[in-house]
Protein backbone atom coordinates (compact mmCIF):
# COMPACT_ATOMS: atom_id res chain seq x y z
CA MET A 1 35.29 0.41 19.48
CA ASN A 2 31.78 0.29 18.37
CA TYR A 3 30.26 -2.18 20.67
CA MET A 4 26.89 -2.21 19.43
CA ARG A 5 28.15 -3.24 16.00
CA ARG A 6 30.23 -6.03 17.53
CA ALA A 7 26.52 -7.02 18.93
CA VAL A 8 25.24 -6.63 15.24
CA THR A 9 27.95 -9.23 14.13
CA LEU A 10 27.23 -11.71 17.15
CA ALA A 11 23.73 -11.62 16.09
CA SER A 12 24.55 -12.57 12.70
CA GLN A 13 25.49 -15.92 14.15
CA ALA A 14 22.52 -16.64 15.42
CA LEU A 15 20.66 -16.31 12.00
CA GLY A 16 18.38 -19.29 11.14
CA SER A 17 18.86 -21.41 14.41
CA THR A 18 16.82 -19.38 16.63
CA SER A 19 13.32 -19.34 15.17
CA PRO A 20 10.43 -18.58 16.51
CA ASN A 21 12.81 -16.43 18.50
CA PRO A 22 14.95 -13.48 17.27
CA ALA A 23 18.63 -13.83 16.57
CA VAL A 24 20.21 -11.24 18.75
CA GLY A 25 23.58 -10.12 19.85
CA ALA A 26 24.52 -8.40 22.88
CA VAL A 27 28.02 -7.40 24.47
CA VAL A 28 28.98 -6.72 28.06
CA VAL A 29 31.37 -3.74 28.54
CA LYS A 30 33.45 -2.60 32.01
CA ASN A 31 36.43 0.12 32.04
CA GLY A 32 36.26 0.32 28.14
CA GLU A 33 36.68 -4.06 27.60
CA ILE A 34 34.53 -6.72 26.62
CA VAL A 35 34.08 -8.85 29.67
CA GLY A 36 31.21 -10.83 28.26
CA GLU A 37 29.38 -11.44 24.94
CA GLY A 38 26.91 -13.94 23.23
CA PHE A 39 23.98 -14.62 20.79
CA THR A 40 20.79 -16.21 21.17
CA GLN A 41 20.90 -19.65 21.73
CA PRO A 42 18.38 -22.74 20.00
CA PRO A 43 14.78 -22.19 21.08
CA GLY A 44 14.64 -23.05 24.80
CA GLY A 45 18.63 -21.78 25.21
CA ASP A 46 19.44 -18.69 26.81
CA HIS A 47 18.79 -15.17 24.94
CA ALA A 48 21.71 -13.12 23.85
CA GLU A 49 21.80 -10.80 27.45
CA VAL A 50 21.88 -14.00 29.63
CA VAL A 51 24.83 -15.88 27.67
CA ALA A 52 27.26 -12.59 27.81
CA ILE A 53 26.30 -11.97 31.49
CA LYS A 54 26.85 -15.45 32.52
CA GLN A 55 30.10 -14.82 30.55
CA ALA A 56 31.00 -11.66 32.52
CA GLY A 57 30.13 -13.09 35.87
CA SER A 58 30.88 -10.51 38.70
CA PHE A 59 32.42 -8.11 35.85
CA ALA A 60 29.00 -7.36 35.11
CA ASN A 61 28.19 -5.37 38.24
CA GLY A 62 28.52 -1.59 37.36
CA ALA A 63 28.80 -2.81 33.45
CA THR A 64 27.34 -1.65 30.45
CA LEU A 65 25.33 -4.02 28.63
CA TYR A 66 24.97 -3.30 24.42
CA VAL A 67 22.25 -5.30 22.76
CA THR A 68 20.39 -5.55 19.33
CA LEU A 69 17.08 -5.65 20.77
CA GLU A 70 14.95 -4.39 23.43
CA PRO A 71 15.51 -7.04 26.49
CA CYS A 72 12.33 -9.24 26.98
CA ASN A 73 10.05 -8.82 30.08
CA HIS A 74 7.82 -11.79 29.91
CA LEU A 75 7.99 -14.98 30.60
CA GLY A 76 8.35 -17.48 27.68
CA ARG A 77 10.61 -20.69 27.68
CA THR A 78 13.01 -18.88 29.54
CA PRO A 79 12.46 -16.39 32.42
CA PRO A 80 12.55 -12.80 31.35
CA CYS A 81 16.10 -11.02 30.64
CA THR A 82 15.38 -7.55 32.18
CA ASP A 83 15.49 -9.62 35.55
CA SER A 84 19.12 -10.93 34.80
CA ILE A 85 19.91 -7.97 33.76
CA ILE A 86 18.87 -5.98 36.99
CA THR A 87 20.20 -8.98 39.08
CA SER A 88 23.61 -8.80 37.53
CA GLY A 89 24.10 -5.31 38.65
CA ILE A 90 24.20 -3.91 34.79
CA SER A 91 24.04 -0.12 35.04
CA ILE A 92 23.49 0.89 31.65
CA VAL A 93 21.82 -0.78 28.58
CA HIS A 94 22.05 0.04 24.86
CA ALA A 95 19.32 -1.31 22.34
CA ALA A 96 19.80 -0.72 19.24
CA VAL A 97 15.77 -1.13 18.68
CA ARG A 98 12.86 -1.69 20.63
CA ASP A 99 10.90 -4.77 20.37
CA PRO A 100 7.63 -5.20 17.99
CA ASN A 101 6.36 -8.36 20.12
CA PRO A 102 3.31 -7.17 21.74
CA ASP A 103 4.10 -8.94 24.72
CA VAL A 104 7.32 -6.39 25.26
CA ALA A 105 6.48 -3.33 23.21
CA GLY A 106 8.64 -1.30 25.19
CA GLY A 107 7.99 -2.87 28.34
CA GLY A 108 11.52 -4.15 28.51
CA LEU A 109 13.27 -0.73 28.58
CA GLU A 110 10.91 0.60 31.31
CA ARG A 111 11.19 -2.48 33.44
CA LEU A 112 14.85 -1.69 33.52
CA GLU A 113 14.52 2.16 34.40
CA ALA A 114 12.08 1.14 37.32
CA GLY A 115 15.22 -0.84 38.55
CA GLY A 116 17.45 1.49 38.48
CA VAL A 117 19.53 1.05 34.92
CA ARG A 118 19.41 3.66 32.67
CA THR A 119 18.56 2.78 29.24
CA HIS A 120 19.54 4.36 25.96
CA PHE A 121 18.11 2.71 22.14
CA GLY A 122 19.20 3.69 18.72
CA ALA A 123 22.70 2.88 18.12
CA GLU A 124 23.02 0.94 14.63
CA ALA A 125 19.20 0.80 14.05
CA ALA A 126 19.16 0.71 10.26
CA ALA A 127 21.56 -2.58 10.46
CA VAL A 128 19.68 -4.41 13.21
CA GLN A 129 16.37 -3.44 11.57
CA ARG A 130 17.52 -5.53 8.09
CA GLN A 131 18.96 -8.16 10.01
CA LEU A 132 15.43 -8.86 12.13
CA GLU A 133 13.23 -7.83 8.91
CA ALA A 134 12.12 -11.22 9.30
CA TRP A 135 11.30 -11.66 12.39
CA VAL A 136 9.48 -8.77 12.98
CA LYS A 137 7.22 -9.20 10.14
CA PHE A 138 6.61 -13.30 11.64
CA VAL A 139 5.80 -11.65 15.38
CA THR A 140 3.87 -8.65 14.26
CA THR A 141 2.02 -10.87 11.53
CA GLY A 142 2.47 -14.14 12.33
CA ARG A 143 3.64 -14.69 8.87
CA PRO A 144 7.05 -15.58 7.29
CA PHE A 145 9.61 -13.23 5.36
CA ILE A 146 9.31 -14.12 1.64
CA THR A 147 12.96 -13.99 -0.38
CA ALA A 148 12.43 -14.32 -4.33
CA LYS A 149 15.88 -15.04 -4.93
CA PHE A 150 17.34 -16.14 -8.39
CA ALA A 151 20.10 -15.40 -10.84
CA MET A 152 19.94 -14.92 -14.52
CA SER A 153 21.91 -13.66 -17.45
CA LEU A 154 22.23 -10.38 -18.83
CA ASP A 155 19.37 -10.87 -21.09
CA GLY A 156 17.04 -12.30 -18.19
CA LYS A 157 17.53 -16.02 -19.12
CA ILE A 158 18.11 -18.71 -15.87
CA ALA A 159 19.03 -21.36 -18.31
CA THR A 160 19.69 -21.98 -22.29
CA HIS A 161 17.17 -23.55 -24.52
CA THR A 162 17.72 -27.04 -23.65
CA GLY A 163 17.83 -26.63 -20.29
CA ASP A 164 21.34 -25.89 -18.91
CA SER A 165 22.22 -23.52 -16.30
CA LYS A 166 25.13 -24.28 -14.57
CA TRP A 167 26.46 -22.15 -14.02
CA ILE A 168 25.03 -18.62 -14.66
CA THR A 169 26.85 -16.94 -11.77
CA GLY A 170 30.28 -17.35 -10.19
CA ASP A 171 32.04 -18.96 -7.53
CA LYS A 172 31.54 -15.56 -5.13
CA ALA A 173 27.93 -15.49 -6.34
CA ARG A 174 26.70 -18.98 -5.28
CA TRP A 175 29.30 -18.81 -1.84
CA HIS A 176 27.02 -15.79 -1.05
CA VAL A 177 23.80 -17.97 -1.99
CA HIS A 178 25.51 -20.68 0.65
CA LYS A 179 25.47 -17.66 3.46
CA MET A 180 21.84 -16.88 2.51
CA ARG A 181 20.35 -20.30 2.93
CA ALA A 182 22.39 -20.95 6.34
CA GLY A 183 20.67 -17.99 7.44
CA THR A 184 17.44 -18.97 6.34
CA ASP A 185 14.89 -21.32 8.25
CA ALA A 186 13.36 -22.42 4.56
CA ILE A 187 14.05 -22.84 1.11
CA MET A 188 11.37 -23.27 -1.26
CA VAL A 189 11.40 -24.75 -4.70
CA GLY A 190 9.10 -26.14 -7.32
CA ILE A 191 8.92 -29.67 -8.57
CA GLY A 192 10.00 -28.41 -12.16
CA THR A 193 13.33 -27.50 -10.51
CA VAL A 194 14.04 -30.37 -8.79
CA LEU A 195 13.49 -32.41 -11.81
CA ALA A 196 15.36 -30.42 -14.02
CA ASP A 197 18.48 -29.67 -11.66
CA ASP A 198 18.57 -32.31 -9.05
CA PRO A 199 19.83 -29.94 -6.64
CA ARG A 200 20.95 -30.52 -3.03
CA LEU A 201 19.11 -27.11 -1.18
CA THR A 202 22.11 -27.49 1.20
CA ALA A 203 24.30 -24.90 3.23
CA ARG A 204 27.70 -25.68 2.32
CA ASP A 205 30.52 -24.04 3.29
CA GLU A 206 33.71 -22.85 1.10
CA LYS A 207 35.25 -26.61 0.90
CA GLY A 208 31.85 -27.65 0.00
CA ASN A 209 31.32 -29.66 3.30
CA PRO A 210 27.67 -29.50 4.66
CA MET A 211 27.05 -27.11 7.39
CA ALA A 212 25.86 -28.40 10.95
CA ARG A 213 22.74 -26.68 10.35
CA GLN A 214 20.80 -26.71 7.39
CA PRO A 215 17.48 -24.90 6.22
CA LEU A 216 14.47 -26.88 6.15
CA ARG A 217 14.11 -27.73 2.36
CA VAL A 218 10.23 -27.52 0.71
CA VAL A 219 9.21 -28.67 -2.79
CA VAL A 220 5.86 -27.66 -3.85
CA ASP A 221 5.02 -30.85 -6.37
CA THR A 222 1.13 -30.87 -6.68
CA LEU A 223 1.19 -34.03 -8.42
CA GLY A 224 3.76 -35.83 -6.47
CA ARG A 225 6.39 -36.10 -9.32
CA LEU A 226 9.48 -36.18 -6.84
CA PRO A 227 11.39 -39.24 -7.69
CA ALA A 228 12.91 -41.20 -4.74
CA THR A 229 16.31 -40.65 -6.27
CA ALA A 230 16.15 -36.93 -5.64
CA ARG A 231 19.72 -35.89 -4.25
CA LEU A 232 17.78 -33.66 -1.69
CA LEU A 233 16.16 -36.54 -0.25
CA LYS A 234 19.46 -37.89 0.80
CA GLU A 235 21.09 -35.03 2.30
CA PRO A 236 21.51 -33.71 5.89
CA GLY A 237 18.50 -32.00 7.02
CA GLU A 238 14.67 -32.05 6.64
CA THR A 239 13.01 -32.25 3.26
CA LEU A 240 9.39 -31.53 3.48
CA LEU A 241 7.35 -32.38 0.19
CA ALA A 242 3.89 -30.13 -0.07
CA VAL A 243 1.66 -32.21 -2.45
CA GLY A 244 -2.03 -32.26 -3.49
CA PRO A 245 -5.02 -34.05 -2.27
CA GLY A 246 -5.13 -37.54 -2.85
CA ILE A 247 -1.41 -37.92 -3.54
CA ASP A 248 -0.09 -40.79 -1.15
CA LEU A 249 3.51 -41.12 -1.66
CA LEU A 250 4.20 -42.91 1.89
CA GLN A 251 3.57 -46.40 -0.12
CA ASN A 252 7.28 -45.16 -1.75
CA GLY A 253 9.43 -45.77 1.49
CA ASP A 254 12.53 -44.01 -0.38
CA ILE A 255 10.34 -40.64 -0.43
CA GLY A 256 8.38 -41.51 2.58
CA ASN A 257 11.56 -42.23 4.88
CA GLY A 258 13.39 -39.00 3.55
CA ALA A 259 10.89 -36.61 3.71
CA ASP A 260 8.02 -35.18 5.70
CA ILE A 261 4.77 -35.32 2.97
CA GLN A 262 2.12 -32.96 3.70
CA GLN A 263 -1.19 -32.40 1.45
CA PHE A 264 -2.76 -29.01 0.84
CA PRO A 265 -5.41 -27.60 -1.20
CA VAL A 266 -5.28 -26.91 -4.73
CA ARG A 267 -5.95 -23.64 -6.47
CA GLU A 268 -6.25 -23.17 -10.54
CA GLY A 269 -4.22 -26.58 -10.72
CA HIS A 270 -1.37 -25.26 -8.01
CA ILE A 271 -0.54 -26.06 -4.26
CA ASP A 272 -2.46 -22.90 -2.44
CA LEU A 273 0.52 -20.82 -1.68
CA GLU A 274 -0.91 -19.16 1.28
CA ARG A 275 -2.48 -22.09 3.26
CA LEU A 276 1.44 -23.70 3.02
CA ILE A 277 2.91 -20.54 3.96
CA GLU A 278 0.44 -20.75 6.55
CA PHE A 279 1.49 -23.80 7.73
CA LEU A 280 4.85 -23.36 7.37
CA ALA A 281 4.60 -20.50 10.27
CA GLU A 282 2.31 -22.27 12.51
CA GLU A 283 3.59 -25.85 12.14
CA ARG A 284 7.05 -25.14 11.98
CA ASP A 285 8.07 -22.14 13.08
CA VAL A 286 9.62 -20.97 9.89
CA THR A 287 10.11 -16.81 10.15
CA ASN A 288 11.75 -16.85 6.87
CA ILE A 289 11.61 -18.23 3.69
CA MET A 290 14.04 -17.93 0.60
CA VAL A 291 12.40 -19.34 -2.57
CA GLU A 292 14.67 -20.65 -5.16
CA GLY A 293 12.45 -21.23 -8.09
CA GLY A 294 11.65 -21.92 -10.55
CA GLY A 295 9.81 -19.45 -12.62
CA THR A 296 6.13 -21.04 -12.08
CA LEU A 297 6.60 -20.70 -8.30
CA LEU A 298 8.40 -17.19 -8.43
CA GLY A 299 5.41 -16.01 -10.56
CA ASP A 300 2.41 -17.31 -8.69
CA LEU A 301 4.07 -15.59 -5.17
CA PHE A 302 4.63 -12.30 -7.22
CA ASP A 303 0.95 -12.49 -8.37
CA LEU A 304 -0.32 -13.08 -5.06
CA GLY A 305 1.50 -10.00 -3.91
CA LEU A 306 3.54 -12.91 -1.23
CA VAL A 307 6.81 -11.88 -1.70
CA ASP A 308 8.63 -9.28 0.66
CA LYS A 309 12.23 -8.93 -0.79
CA VAL A 310 13.55 -9.65 -4.19
CA VAL A 311 17.56 -11.12 -4.22
CA ALA A 312 18.79 -11.19 -8.13
CA PHE A 313 22.19 -12.45 -9.02
CA VAL A 314 22.83 -10.70 -12.70
CA ALA A 315 26.06 -12.47 -14.21
CA PRO A 316 27.33 -10.33 -17.54
CA THR A 317 26.25 -13.42 -20.47
CA VAL A 318 23.98 -13.41 -22.85
CA ILE A 319 22.26 -16.56 -23.72
CA GLY A 320 19.53 -15.66 -25.85
CA GLY A 321 17.21 -18.29 -27.40
CA LYS A 322 13.19 -17.70 -27.85
CA GLY A 323 12.62 -20.96 -25.77
CA ALA A 324 15.27 -20.16 -22.91
CA PRO A 325 13.36 -19.71 -19.53
CA SER A 326 13.48 -16.24 -17.56
CA PRO A 327 13.04 -16.27 -13.49
CA VAL A 328 9.50 -15.46 -13.09
CA GLY A 329 6.96 -16.71 -14.55
CA GLY A 330 2.96 -16.35 -13.89
CA SER A 331 0.43 -14.48 -14.79
CA GLY A 332 2.34 -11.12 -14.71
CA VAL A 333 0.83 -7.57 -15.41
CA GLU A 334 -0.41 -6.27 -19.00
CA LEU A 335 0.93 -2.55 -18.37
CA MET A 336 4.10 -1.44 -17.54
CA ALA A 337 2.72 1.01 -14.91
CA ASP A 338 1.41 -1.96 -12.92
CA ALA A 339 4.81 -3.48 -13.05
CA LEU A 340 6.45 -3.92 -9.19
CA GLN A 341 8.46 -1.45 -8.64
CA LEU A 342 11.05 -2.33 -5.82
CA GLU A 343 11.97 -0.11 -3.28
CA ARG A 344 15.53 0.39 -0.89
CA VAL A 345 17.16 -0.89 -3.96
CA ARG A 346 20.91 -2.05 -3.45
CA TRP A 347 23.79 -3.07 -5.73
CA LYS A 348 26.85 -5.29 -4.55
CA ARG A 349 29.49 -6.82 -7.22
CA LEU A 350 29.95 -9.98 -6.30
CA GLY A 351 33.26 -11.26 -8.89
CA ARG A 352 31.63 -10.45 -12.18
CA ASP A 353 28.46 -10.59 -11.31
CA MET A 354 26.13 -7.80 -9.41
CA LEU A 355 23.80 -8.58 -6.91
CA ILE A 356 20.48 -6.24 -6.74
CA THR A 357 18.64 -6.57 -3.74
CA GLY A 358 15.17 -4.65 -3.24
CA TYR A 359 11.55 -4.79 -1.47
CA CYS A 360 8.52 -5.66 -2.94
């Protein structure tokens, strides 16, 4: 059995619930059998290593620990994981990747070695680096990882010229989006998308029921046009409404009770997205944001160079119509030579649709 791969699977269960901490998985193995395993708990709770060691109990003595990220060696909301590992009697630690956090930066493995624990790293490193890509950016820059997500037809349309958009992609693609939502800290949309589609912006299971944990919903609404009847205000989870200066919606009790309303500076008629993103990182511990449209918001983000990753669902459908909207607006580029070229592009088929993922 690939024990590190099992640790990666465990870590995936923590995505979306641990920020600003990383989602980590850990497995304790003794005599070829798993005697303990776990993943990072919400902030203030045990880290993955401690969960696994507690489950292993006395079997941890002389065992091997597989963990997706180098164990921490500093005191935060919880004691250093290196101390728990050494005290438990674990003899070998395999870490997939080193911790880029300046508070750790290789010190975790050094502390373990000094405590008599043999260390190795590198197994399943590529998978873990993808899994932790948002947290790595956050911990090294202080800014969230931005994913631009959209679904479009083969001819690049996100709706018909009348505005009808349900549904461009099939069930498998839409279920994949719900899994993505469950693993992200925040979903961001522009007010135009809310007015056109009245979305719920929730993470739901295959039966259509809301999942226990919901991402923060962020609506960029410069002029405060969000109606009190918007469905997202009645859904489980929190909603943050980003409005321009002088916009007071607190007098509308329905909106005031259903959303956190925050005012932000405006640039050229639009919310200052850099300031909004900075606020989400500093005040809300948001490490990653999935932006789901519309074209104006996505265009502004691309124009500002704020997008880290693109997730595009392409359906084998032709919509046509010169008035039908496309997924990305904004100023764009004048020359093809200046067009954004995605890197590390991957393709995956989801039913009839194609999922294309790439990095900016």
